[in-house]
Amino acid sequence: MRSRPTLQDEGSRAPGFRPCSGKIASRLSFNLPGDCRFSVHEAIPEHVGLGSGTQLAIAVGVALAGLYRLDLPARAVAALYQRGQRSGIGVGAFEQGGFLVDGGKDAGAEPPPIVSRLEFPGDWRVVLLLDPAVQGLHGEREMAAFQALPEFPESESAHLCRLMFTQAMPALAKQDLDKFGCAIGELQRVVGDYFAPAQGGRFSSPRVAEALAWMESQGITGIGQSSWGPTGFAIVGDEAQASSGAGFFAGARRAIALGRPRPTAVHGLQRPQSRRRGRPRSAGSCLRRREIEQTFIHGANL
């Protein structure tokens, strides 16, 4: 007799792990033998605009697929879990890392395709500003916000496309931080103003907005909000500038992210052994997020 794997969360600090892992297991684990145990040592905070649900869901799904030798790449796992419905950046960051641009959503079930990928300069840093008192829109409130917002103006969409492909990406390829930051800052202003009615302003957190305004006054142009926020970001040239700038955001959380070209790695998998051999049914599978390994600017599907 076969049973579906039972996912156990041992001492996890990831609040969304149980529902995420259970839904993934129900979709991927029909008639699979043995049990699985996941220990989540570190996880991205949920509902802060950093794509934690997508990353964790795909990580669990890819781990199960690898454990049982299923031919399910990350994009297929994302489609099964209904992730990447509006943006392909989360799936692309899991697969590739780097600076990514997706091609927009069509009528299909697959996440939008990644149409461009560039290396993020190794010396640059992204200061992430997190406000623990605020959560970004999610669930039913997010769906209601999208339904209430007007259609994004075609003129603005054309402006953002030109901005991305004729200014931001060439500047990134040349490692020109000033021009790149100006382009990203302008993109974020346009997108933030469009979503302002749903999130209470250009930025969803007044504290993050205050910190970003200060950074902008210091000459940092590449600022914005990641997805629905409240996490804000500022792109700077080196570690020293990142440390000094992040110090302004007193009393709240901040992190300095490295822009790395690597995809997410899932390793340390062992297939469950049969009880008939007198061996334990469960195998240790560890998903460890040691640090942020992808950097992405998530504003709108262009």
C-alpha atoms as a PDB file:
ATOM      1  CA  MET A   1       0.000   0.000   0.000  1.00  0.00           C
ATOM      2  CA  ARG A   2       1.309   3.444  -0.920  1.00  0.00           C
ATOM      3  CA  SER A   3       0.825   6.740   0.826  1.00  0.00           C
ATOM      4  CA  ARG A   4       1.558  10.332  -0.065  1.00  0.00           C
ATOM      5  CA  PRO A   5       4.620  11.956   1.524  1.00  0.00           C
ATOM      6  CA  THR A   6       3.949  13.718   4.791  1.00  0.00           C
ATOM      7  CA  LEU A   7       5.804  17.009   5.031  1.00  0.00           C
ATOM      8  CA  GLN A   8       6.950  17.895   8.502  1.00  0.00           C
ATOM      9  CA  ASP A   9       8.285  21.308   9.448  1.00  0.00           C
ATOM     10  CA  GLU A  10      10.998  20.966  12.081  1.00  0.00           C
ATOM     11  CA  GLY A  11      11.551  24.225  13.938  1.00  0.00           C
ATOM     12  CA  SER A  12      10.794  26.310  10.871  1.00  0.00           C
ATOM     13  CA  ARG A  13      10.829  30.083  11.098  1.00  0.00           C
ATOM     14  CA  ALA A  14       8.805  30.346   7.901  1.00  0.00           C
ATOM     15  CA  PRO A  15       5.171  31.122   8.831  1.00  0.00           C
ATOM     16  CA  GLY A  16       3.827  30.140   5.419  1.00  0.00           C
ATOM     17  CA  PHE A  17       5.631  26.816   5.195  1.00  0.00           C
ATOM     18  CA  ARG A  18       2.881  24.460   6.329  1.00  0.00           C
ATOM     19  CA  PRO A  19       0.124  25.563   3.922  1.00  0.00           C
ATOM     20  CA  CYS A  20       2.651  25.971   1.108  1.00  0.00           C
ATOM     21  CA  SER A  21       4.180  22.516   1.544  1.00  0.00           C
ATOM     22  CA  GLY A  22       0.828  20.822   1.998  1.00  0.00           C
ATOM     23  CA  LYS A  23      -0.608  22.223  -1.230  1.00  0.00           C
ATOM     24  CA  ILE A  24       2.532  21.383  -3.180  1.00  0.00           C
ATOM     25  CA  ALA A  25       2.510  17.831  -1.819  1.00  0.00           C
ATOM     26  CA  SER A  26      -1.136  17.342  -2.743  1.00  0.00           C
ATOM     27  CA  ARG A  27      -0.382  18.316  -6.343  1.00  0.00           C
ATOM     28  CA  LEU A  28       2.881  16.435  -6.834  1.00  0.00           C
ATOM     29  CA  SER A  29       2.852  13.404  -4.589  1.00  0.00           C
ATOM     30  CA  PHE A  30       0.077  11.120  -5.771  1.00  0.00           C
ATOM     31  CA  ASN A  31       1.005   7.506  -4.972  1.00  0.00           C
ATOM     32  CA  LEU A  32       4.565   8.362  -3.982  1.00  0.00           C
ATOM     33  CA  PRO A  33       6.055   6.148  -1.277  1.00  0.00           C
ATOM     34  CA  GLY A  34       7.676   7.235   1.943  1.00  0.00           C
ATOM     35  CA  ASP A  35       7.699  10.382   4.036  1.00  0.00           C
ATOM     36  CA  CYS A  36       9.578  13.632   3.588  1.00  0.00           C
ATOM     37  CA  ARG A  37      10.882  15.938   6.262  1.00  0.00           C
ATOM     38  CA  PHE A  38      11.866  19.513   5.480  1.00  0.00           C
ATOM     39  CA  SER A  39      13.873  21.693   7.824  1.00  0.00           C
ATOM     40  CA  VAL A  40      13.612  25.344   6.844  1.00  0.00           C
ATOM     41  CA  HIS A  41      16.533  27.107   8.523  1.00  0.00           C
ATOM     42  CA  GLU A  42      16.014  30.505   6.948  1.00  0.00           C
ATOM     43  CA  ALA A  43      13.214  31.968   4.856  1.00  0.00           C
ATOM     44  CA  ILE A  44      12.248  35.256   3.254  1.00  0.00           C
ATOM     45  CA  PRO A  45       9.608  37.084   5.330  1.00  0.00           C
ATOM     46  CA  GLU A  46       6.120  36.644   3.894  1.00  0.00           C
ATOM     47  CA  HIS A  47       3.909  39.415   2.481  1.00  0.00           C
ATOM     48  CA  VAL A  48       6.703  41.982   2.317  1.00  0.00           C
ATOM     49  CA  GLY A  49       7.044  42.164  -1.475  1.00  0.00           C
ATOM     50  CA  LEU A  50      10.017  39.814  -1.908  1.00  0.00           C
ATOM     51  CA  GLY A  51       8.229  36.868  -3.498  1.00  0.00           C
ATOM     52  CA  SER A  52       8.612  34.537  -0.519  1.00  0.00           C
ATOM     53  CA  GLY A  53       5.551  32.426  -1.373  1.00  0.00           C
ATOM     54  CA  THR A  54       6.720  31.738  -4.918  1.00  0.00           C
ATOM     55  CA  GLN A  55      10.294  30.939  -3.887  1.00  0.00           C
ATOM     56  CA  LEU A  56       9.270  28.600  -1.074  1.00  0.00           C
ATOM     57  CA  ALA A  57       6.565  26.883  -3.125  1.00  0.00           C
ATOM     58  CA  ILE A  58       8.899  26.213  -6.045  1.00  0.00           C
ATOM     59  CA  ALA A  59      11.695  25.094  -3.708  1.00  0.00           C
ATOM     60  CA  VAL A  60       9.435  22.519  -2.046  1.00  0.00           C
ATOM     61  CA  GLY A  61       8.038  21.360  -5.391  1.00  0.00           C
ATOM     62  CA  VAL A  62      11.444  21.061  -7.063  1.00  0.00           C
ATOM     63  CA  ALA A  63      12.796  19.220  -4.003  1.00  0.00           C
ATOM     64  CA  LEU A  64       9.931  16.696  -4.128  1.00  0.00           C
ATOM     65  CA  ALA A  65      10.309  16.284  -7.878  1.00  0.00           C
ATOM     66  CA  GLY A  66      14.028  15.661  -7.496  1.00  0.00           C
ATOM     67  CA  LEU A  67      13.508  13.305  -4.583  1.00  0.00           C
ATOM     68  CA  TYR A  68      11.161  11.098  -6.596  1.00  0.00           C
ATOM     69  CA  ARG A  69      12.835  11.642  -9.987  1.00  0.00           C
ATOM     70  CA  LEU A  70       9.886  13.396 -11.543  1.00  0.00           C
ATOM     71  CA  ASP A  71      10.378  15.377 -14.732  1.00  0.00           C
ATOM     72  CA  LEU A  72       9.029  18.648 -13.320  1.00  0.00           C
ATOM     73  CA  PRO A  73      11.209  21.740 -13.857  1.00  0.00           C
ATOM     74  CA  ALA A  74      10.663  24.896 -11.857  1.00  0.00           C
ATOM     75  CA  ARG A  75       8.298  26.483 -14.385  1.00  0.00           C
ATOM     76  CA  ALA A  76       6.085  23.386 -14.409  1.00  0.00           C
ATOM     77  CA  VAL A  77       5.996  23.361 -10.607  1.00  0.00           C
ATOM     78  CA  ALA A  78       5.051  27.047 -10.626  1.00  0.00           C
ATOM     79  CA  ALA A  79       2.185  26.381 -13.045  1.00  0.00           C
ATOM     80  CA  LEU A  80       0.895  23.490 -10.916  1.00  0.00           C
ATOM     81  CA  TYR A  81       0.898  25.698  -7.853  1.00  0.00           C
ATOM     82  CA  GLN A  82      -0.583  28.622  -9.815  1.00  0.00           C
ATOM     83  CA  ARG A  83       2.455  30.793  -9.194  1.00  0.00           C
ATOM     84  CA  GLY A  84       3.664  33.360 -11.716  1.00  0.00           C
ATOM     85  CA  GLN A  85       0.121  34.295 -12.727  1.00  0.00           C
ATOM     86  CA  ARG A  86       1.056  37.960 -13.239  1.00  0.00           C
ATOM     87  CA  SER A  87       4.851  38.001 -13.369  1.00  0.00           C
ATOM     88  CA  GLY A  88       7.557  35.576 -14.462  1.00  0.00           C
ATOM     89  CA  ILE A  89      10.256  37.245 -12.372  1.00  0.00           C
ATOM     90  CA  GLY A  90       9.896  34.971  -9.338  1.00  0.00           C
ATOM     91  CA  VAL A  91      10.221  31.801 -11.424  1.00  0.00           C
ATOM     92  CA  GLY A  92      13.018  33.304 -13.505  1.00  0.00           C
ATOM     93  CA  ALA A  93      14.951  34.346 -10.404  1.00  0.00           C
ATOM     94  CA  PHE A  94      14.658  30.809  -9.048  1.00  0.00           C
ATOM     95  CA  GLU A  95      15.935  29.343 -12.318  1.00  0.00           C
ATOM     96  CA  GLN A  96      18.597  31.855 -13.312  1.00  0.00           C
ATOM     97  CA  GLY A  97      19.220  34.757 -10.964  1.00  0.00           C
ATOM     98  CA  GLY A  98      20.522  38.027 -12.332  1.00  0.00           C
ATOM     99  CA  PHE A  99      18.621  41.088 -13.571  1.00  0.00           C
ATOM    100  CA  LEU A 100      15.522  39.827 -15.348  1.00  0.00           C
ATOM    101  CA  VAL A 101      12.808  41.268 -17.572  1.00  0.00           C
ATOM    102  CA  ASP A 102       9.723  39.237 -18.408  1.00  0.00           C
ATOM    103  CA  GLY A 103       7.574  39.540 -21.524  1.00  0.00           C
ATOM    104  CA  GLY A 104       4.175  40.035 -19.907  1.00  0.00           C
ATOM    105  CA  LYS A 105       1.336  37.627 -19.250  1.00  0.00           C
ATOM    106  CA  ASP A 106      -0.696  36.040 -22.029  1.00  0.00           C
ATOM    107  CA  ALA A 107      -3.784  33.832 -21.789  1.00  0.00           C
ATOM    108  CA  GLY A 108      -1.836  30.638 -21.051  1.00  0.00           C
ATOM    109  CA  ALA A 109      -1.223  28.952 -17.702  1.00  0.00           C
ATOM    110  CA  GLU A 110       2.575  29.215 -17.848  1.00  0.00           C
ATOM    111  CA  PRO A 111       4.350  32.106 -16.112  1.00  0.00           C
ATOM    112  CA  PRO A 112       5.412  34.925 -18.454  1.00  0.00           C
ATOM    113  CA  PRO A 113       8.684  34.187 -20.291  1.00  0.00           C
ATOM    114  CA  ILE A 114      11.960  35.822 -19.386  1.00  0.00           C
ATOM    115  CA  VAL A 115      12.919  37.901 -22.439  1.00  0.00           C
ATOM    116  CA  SER A 116      16.158  39.364 -21.131  1.00  0.00           C
ATOM    117  CA  ARG A 117      18.762  38.566 -18.497  1.00  0.00           C
ATOM    118  CA  LEU A 118      21.845  40.579 -17.565  1.00  0.00           C
ATOM    119  CA  GLU A 119      24.513  40.060 -14.959  1.00  0.00           C
ATOM    120  CA  PHE A 120      24.226  42.318 -11.929  1.00  0.00           C
ATOM    121  CA  PRO A 121      27.582  44.019 -11.129  1.00  0.00           C
ATOM    122  CA  GLY A 122      29.357  42.283  -8.281  1.00  0.00           C
ATOM    123  CA  ASP A 123      30.347  45.499  -6.509  1.00  0.00           C
ATOM    124  CA  TRP A 124      26.869  47.001  -6.451  1.00  0.00           C
ATOM    125  CA  ARG A 125      24.591  46.520  -3.473  1.00  0.00           C
ATOM    126  CA  VAL A 126      20.834  46.695  -2.984  1.00  0.00           C
ATOM    127  CA  VAL A 127      19.740  48.079   0.371  1.00  0.00           C
ATOM    128  CA  LEU A 128      16.438  46.502   1.399  1.00  0.00           C
ATOM    129  CA  LEU A 129      14.323  48.420   3.909  1.00  0.00           C
ATOM    130  CA  LEU A 130      11.708  46.331   5.717  1.00  0.00           C
ATOM    131  CA  ASP A 131       8.933  47.716   7.895  1.00  0.00           C
ATOM    132  CA  PRO A 132       7.693  44.928  10.230  1.00  0.00           C
ATOM    133  CA  ALA A 133       4.598  46.955  11.130  1.00  0.00           C
ATOM    134  CA  VAL A 134       3.184  46.781   7.581  1.00  0.00           C
ATOM    135  CA  GLN A 135       2.272  43.959   5.202  1.00  0.00           C
ATOM    136  CA  GLY A 136       1.815  44.281   1.470  1.00  0.00           C
ATOM    137  CA  LEU A 137      -1.521  43.516  -0.145  1.00  0.00           C
ATOM    138  CA  HIS A 138      -2.127  39.802  -0.627  1.00  0.00           C
ATOM    139  CA  GLY A 139      -4.916  37.299  -0.997  1.00  0.00           C
ATOM    140  CA  GLU A 140      -8.434  38.651  -1.493  1.00  0.00           C
ATOM    141  CA  ARG A 141      -7.366  42.244  -0.850  1.00  0.00           C
ATOM    142  CA  GLU A 142      -4.801  42.007  -3.634  1.00  0.00           C
ATOM    143  CA  MET A 143      -7.356  40.563  -6.051  1.00  0.00           C
ATOM    144  CA  ALA A 144      -9.833  43.299  -5.144  1.00  0.00           C
ATOM    145  CA  ALA A 145      -7.169  45.965  -5.712  1.00  0.00           C
ATOM    146  CA  PHE A 146      -6.396  44.700  -9.212  1.00  0.00           C
ATOM    147  CA  GLN A 147     -10.092  44.661 -10.073  1.00  0.00           C
ATOM    148  CA  ALA A 148     -10.587  48.218  -8.798  1.00  0.00           C
ATOM    149  CA  LEU A 149      -7.581  49.762 -10.538  1.00  0.00           C
ATOM    150  CA  PRO A 150      -8.083  51.211 -14.027  1.00  0.00           C
ATOM    151  CA  GLU A 151      -6.314  49.773 -17.046  1.00  0.00           C
ATOM    152  CA  PHE A 152      -2.694  50.861 -17.164  1.00  0.00           C
ATOM    153  CA  PRO A 153      -2.397  53.644 -19.780  1.00  0.00           C
ATOM    154  CA  GLU A 154      -0.802  52.564 -23.064  1.00  0.00           C
ATOM    155  CA  SER A 155       1.254  55.751 -23.195  1.00  0.00           C
ATOM    156  CA  GLU A 156       2.757  54.987 -19.786  1.00  0.00           C
ATOM    157  CA  SER A 157       3.407  51.384 -20.768  1.00  0.00           C
ATOM    158  CA  ALA A 158       5.261  52.543 -23.887  1.00  0.00           C
ATOM    159  CA  HIS A 159       7.241  54.994 -21.766  1.00  0.00           C
ATOM    160  CA  LEU A 160       8.300  52.250 -19.350  1.00  0.00           C
ATOM    161  CA  CYS A 161       9.268  49.911 -22.187  1.00  0.00           C
ATOM    162  CA  ARG A 162      11.508  52.566 -23.730  1.00  0.00           C
ATOM    163  CA  LEU A 163      12.911  53.370 -20.324  1.00  0.00           C
ATOM    164  CA  MET A 164      13.811  49.755 -19.632  1.00  0.00           C
ATOM    165  CA  PHE A 165      15.208  48.749 -23.021  1.00  0.00           C
ATOM    166  CA  THR A 166      16.898  51.974 -24.125  1.00  0.00           C
ATOM    167  CA  GLN A 167      18.145  53.338 -20.794  1.00  0.00           C
ATOM    168  CA  ALA A 168      18.137  50.917 -17.857  1.00  0.00           C
ATOM    169  CA  MET A 169      19.472  47.816 -19.587  1.00  0.00           C
ATOM    170  CA  PRO A 170      22.202  49.548 -21.636  1.00  0.00           C
ATOM    171  CA  ALA A 171      23.313  51.349 -18.466  1.00  0.00           C
ATOM    172  CA  LEU A 172      23.437  48.061 -16.563  1.00  0.00           C
ATOM    173  CA  ALA A 173      25.457  46.414 -19.335  1.00  0.00           C
ATOM    174  CA  LYS A 174      27.946  49.294 -19.108  1.00  0.00           C
ATOM    175  CA  GLN A 175      27.801  49.259 -15.283  1.00  0.00           C
ATOM    176  CA  ASP A 176      26.772  52.911 -15.292  1.00  0.00           C
ATOM    177  CA  LEU A 177      25.113  53.194 -11.879  1.00  0.00           C
ATOM    178  CA  ASP A 178      23.933  56.804 -12.270  1.00  0.00           C
ATOM    179  CA  LYS A 179      22.027  56.218 -15.507  1.00  0.00           C
ATOM    180  CA  PHE A 180      20.733  52.869 -14.348  1.00  0.00           C
ATOM    181  CA  GLY A 181      19.517  54.315 -11.060  1.00  0.00           C
ATOM    182  CA  CYS A 182      17.775  57.234 -12.786  1.00  0.00           C
ATOM    183  CA  ALA A 183      15.912  54.854 -15.102  1.00  0.00           C
ATOM    184  CA  ILE A 184      14.839  52.536 -12.271  1.00  0.00           C
ATOM    185  CA  GLY A 185      13.782  55.494 -10.132  1.00  0.00           C
ATOM    186  CA  GLU A 186      11.598  56.895 -12.922  1.00  0.00           C
ATOM    187  CA  LEU A 187      10.043  53.480 -13.585  1.00  0.00           C
ATOM    188  CA  GLN A 188       9.224  53.130  -9.909  1.00  0.00           C
ATOM    189  CA  ARG A 189       7.660  56.596  -9.708  1.00  0.00           C
ATOM    190  CA  VAL A 190       5.306  55.852 -12.586  1.00  0.00           C
ATOM    191  CA  VAL A 191       4.342  52.420 -11.270  1.00  0.00           C
ATOM    192  CA  GLY A 192       4.068  53.616  -7.667  1.00  0.00           C
ATOM    193  CA  ASP A 193       1.721  56.445  -8.617  1.00  0.00           C
ATOM    194  CA  TYR A 194      -0.481  54.050 -10.576  1.00  0.00           C
ATOM    195  CA  PHE A 195      -0.826  51.718  -7.567  1.00  0.00           C
ATOM    196  CA  ALA A 196      -1.109  54.574  -5.043  1.00  0.00           C
ATOM    197  CA  PRO A 197      -4.934  54.385  -4.749  1.00  0.00           C
ATOM    198  CA  ALA A 198      -4.673  50.730  -3.701  1.00  0.00           C
ATOM    199  CA  GLN A 199      -1.747  50.982  -1.306  1.00  0.00           C
ATOM    200  CA  GLY A 200      -2.196  54.427   0.221  1.00  0.00           C
ATOM    201  CA  GLY A 201       0.515  56.278  -1.673  1.00  0.00           C
ATOM    202  CA  ARG A 202       3.523  55.752  -3.895  1.00  0.00           C
ATOM    203  CA  PHE A 203       4.943  53.536  -1.127  1.00  0.00           C
ATOM    204  CA  SER A 204       2.826  51.359   1.157  1.00  0.00           C
ATOM    205  CA  SER A 205       4.908  52.163   4.253  1.00  0.00           C
ATOM    206  CA  PRO A 206       5.287  55.811   5.374  1.00  0.00           C
ATOM    207  CA  ARG A 207       8.464  54.899   7.254  1.00  0.00           C
ATOM    208  CA  VAL A 208      10.022  53.318   4.171  1.00  0.00           C
ATOM    209  CA  ALA A 209       8.910  56.328   2.115  1.00  0.00           C
ATOM    210  CA  GLU A 210      10.663  58.659   4.582  1.00  0.00           C
ATOM    211  CA  ALA A 211      13.885  56.651   4.461  1.00  0.00           C
ATOM    212  CA  LEU A 212      13.873  56.494   0.656  1.00  0.00           C
ATOM    213  CA  ALA A 213      13.249  60.251   0.437  1.00  0.00           C
ATOM    214  CA  TRP A 214      16.300  60.807   2.601  1.00  0.00           C
ATOM    215  CA  MET A 215      18.392  58.491   0.424  1.00  0.00           C
ATOM    216  CA  GLU A 216      17.217  60.346  -2.674  1.00  0.00           C
ATOM    217  CA  SER A 217      18.275  63.631  -1.046  1.00  0.00           C
ATOM    218  CA  GLN A 218      21.744  62.118  -0.676  1.00  0.00           C
ATOM    219  CA  GLY A 219      21.977  61.534  -4.428  1.00  0.00           C
ATOM    220  CA  ILE A 220      20.817  57.910  -4.573  1.00  0.00           C
ATOM    221  CA  THR A 221      18.508  57.733  -7.590  1.00  0.00           C
ATOM    222  CA  GLY A 222      17.777  54.010  -7.932  1.00  0.00           C
ATOM    223  CA  ILE A 223      15.075  53.727  -5.293  1.00  0.00           C
ATOM    224  CA  GLY A 224      11.672  52.097  -5.250  1.00  0.00           C
ATOM    225  CA  GLN A 225       9.360  49.503  -3.734  1.00  0.00           C
ATOM    226  CA  SER A 226       9.449  45.774  -4.368  1.00  0.00           C
ATOM    227  CA  SER A 227       6.022  44.588  -5.567  1.00  0.00           C
ATOM    228  CA  TRP A 228       3.280  45.593  -3.061  1.00  0.00           C
ATOM    229  CA  GLY A 229       5.887  46.351  -0.431  1.00  0.00           C
ATOM    230  CA  PRO A 230       6.332  47.427   2.216  1.00  0.00           C
ATOM    231  CA  THR A 231       9.953  46.594   1.407  1.00  0.00           C
ATOM    232  CA  GLY A 232      11.770  49.432  -0.284  1.00  0.00           C
ATOM    233  CA  PHE A 233      15.105  49.265  -2.053  1.00  0.00           C
ATOM    234  CA  ALA A 234      17.993  51.524  -2.948  1.00  0.00           C
ATOM    235  CA  ILE A 235      20.722  50.540  -5.428  1.00  0.00           C
ATOM    236  CA  VAL A 236      24.178  51.792  -4.473  1.00  0.00           C
ATOM    237  CA  GLY A 237      27.717  51.346  -5.733  1.00  0.00           C
ATOM    238  CA  ASP A 238      29.458  49.488  -2.924  1.00  0.00           C
ATOM    239  CA  GLU A 239      29.251  48.005   0.558  1.00  0.00           C
ATOM    240  CA  ALA A 240      30.371  51.155   2.369  1.00  0.00           C
ATOM    241  CA  GLN A 241      27.668  53.277   0.778  1.00  0.00           C
ATOM    242  CA  ALA A 242      25.092  50.595   1.515  1.00  0.00           C
ATOM    243  CA  SER A 243      26.037  50.440   5.208  1.00  0.00           C
ATOM    244  CA  SER A 244      25.994  54.204   5.711  1.00  0.00           C
ATOM    245  CA  GLY A 245      22.717  54.704   3.859  1.00  0.00           C
ATOM    246  CA  ALA A 246      20.902  51.866   5.621  1.00  0.00           C
ATOM    247  CA  GLY A 247      21.775  53.326   9.017  1.00  0.00           C
ATOM    248  CA  PHE A 248      19.182  56.081   8.584  1.00  0.00           C
ATOM    249  CA  PHE A 249      16.324  53.608   8.836  1.00  0.00           C
ATOM    250  CA  ALA A 250      16.575  53.344  12.618  1.00  0.00           C
ATOM    251  CA  GLY A 251      14.283  51.064  14.582  1.00  0.00           C
ATOM    252  CA  ALA A 252      13.363  48.857  11.655  1.00  0.00           C
ATOM    253  CA  ARG A 253      14.875  45.984   9.751  1.00  0.00           C
ATOM    254  CA  ARG A 254      17.229  46.404   6.859  1.00  0.00           C
ATOM    255  CA  ALA A 255      19.390  44.115   4.796  1.00  0.00           C
ATOM    256  CA  ILE A 256      22.120  44.534   2.206  1.00  0.00           C
ATOM    257  CA  ALA A 257      21.679  42.179  -0.721  1.00  0.00           C
ATOM    258  CA  LEU A 258      24.282  41.030  -3.192  1.00  0.00           C
ATOM    259  CA  GLY A 259      23.334  40.878  -6.839  1.00  0.00           C
ATOM    260  CA  ARG A 260      24.403  37.357  -7.765  1.00  0.00           C
ATOM    261  CA  PRO A 261      24.066  35.457 -11.043  1.00  0.00           C
ATOM    262  CA  ARG A 262      23.398  32.055  -9.507  1.00  0.00           C
ATOM    263  CA  PRO A 263      20.049  30.262  -9.567  1.00  0.00           C
ATOM    264  CA  THR A 264      18.556  28.765  -6.422  1.00  0.00           C
ATOM    265  CA  ALA A 265      20.156  25.451  -5.470  1.00  0.00           C
ATOM    266  CA  VAL A 266      18.285  22.523  -3.920  1.00  0.00           C
ATOM    267  CA  HIS A 267      20.674  19.904  -2.595  1.00  0.00           C
ATOM    268  CA  GLY A 268      21.135  17.251   0.050  1.00  0.00           C
ATOM    269  CA  LEU A 269      18.216  15.107  -1.115  1.00  0.00           C
ATOM    270  CA  GLN A 270      17.987  11.429  -0.223  1.00  0.00           C
ATOM    271  CA  ARG A 271      15.272   9.088  -1.402  1.00  0.00           C
ATOM    272  CA  PRO A 272      13.178   7.476   1.365  1.00  0.00           C
ATOM    273  CA  GLN A 273      14.028   3.876   2.138  1.00  0.00           C
ATOM    274  CA  SER A 274      11.433   1.141   2.365  1.00  0.00           C
ATOM    275  CA  ARG A 275      10.333  -0.055   5.799  1.00  0.00           C
ATOM    276  CA  ARG A 276      10.635  -3.642   4.605  1.00  0.00           C
ATOM    277  CA  ARG A 277      14.403  -3.245   4.649  1.00  0.00           C
ATOM    278  CA  GLY A 278      14.339  -2.155   8.261  1.00  0.00           C
ATOM    279  CA  ARG A 279      15.379   1.397   7.435  1.00  0.00           C
ATOM    280  CA  PRO A 280      13.700   4.666   8.400  1.00  0.00           C
ATOM    281  CA  ARG A 281      10.901   5.797   6.102  1.00  0.00           C
ATOM    282  CA  SER A 282      11.842   9.448   6.290  1.00  0.00           C
ATOM    283  CA  ALA A 283      14.859  11.115   4.760  1.00  0.00           C
ATOM    284  CA  GLY A 284      16.291  14.452   5.681  1.00  0.00           C
ATOM    285  CA  SER A 285      15.822  17.114   3.004  1.00  0.00           C
ATOM    286  CA  CYS A 286      17.139  20.529   3.836  1.00  0.00           C
ATOM    287  CA  LEU A 287      16.236  23.761   2.037  1.00  0.00           C
ATOM    288  CA  ARG A 288      18.537  26.501   3.252  1.00  0.00           C
ATOM    289  CA  ARG A 289      18.312  30.098   2.101  1.00  0.00           C
ATOM    290  CA  ARG A 290      21.730  31.300   3.195  1.00  0.00           C
ATOM    291  CA  GLU A 291      21.377  34.719   1.660  1.00  0.00           C
ATOM    292  CA  ILE A 292      19.549  36.485  -1.097  1.00  0.00           C
ATOM    293  CA  GLU A 293      21.037  35.044  -4.279  1.00  0.00           C
ATOM    294  CA  GLN A 294      18.908  36.860  -6.822  1.00  0.00           C
ATOM    295  CA  THR A 295      18.214  40.543  -7.136  1.00  0.00           C
ATOM    296  CA  PHE A 296      15.174  41.671  -9.072  1.00  0.00           C
ATOM    297  CA  ILE A 297      13.220  44.849  -9.498  1.00  0.00           C
ATOM    298  CA  HIS A 298       9.536  43.930  -9.568  1.00  0.00           C
ATOM    299  CA  GLY A 299       7.345  46.826 -10.567  1.00  0.00           C
ATOM    300  CA  ALA A 300       5.077  45.918 -13.461  1.00  0.00           C
ATOM    301  CA  ASN A 301       4.848  43.496 -16.347  1.00  0.00           C
ATOM    302  CA  LEU A 302       5.994  45.558 -19.290  1.00  0.00           C
END
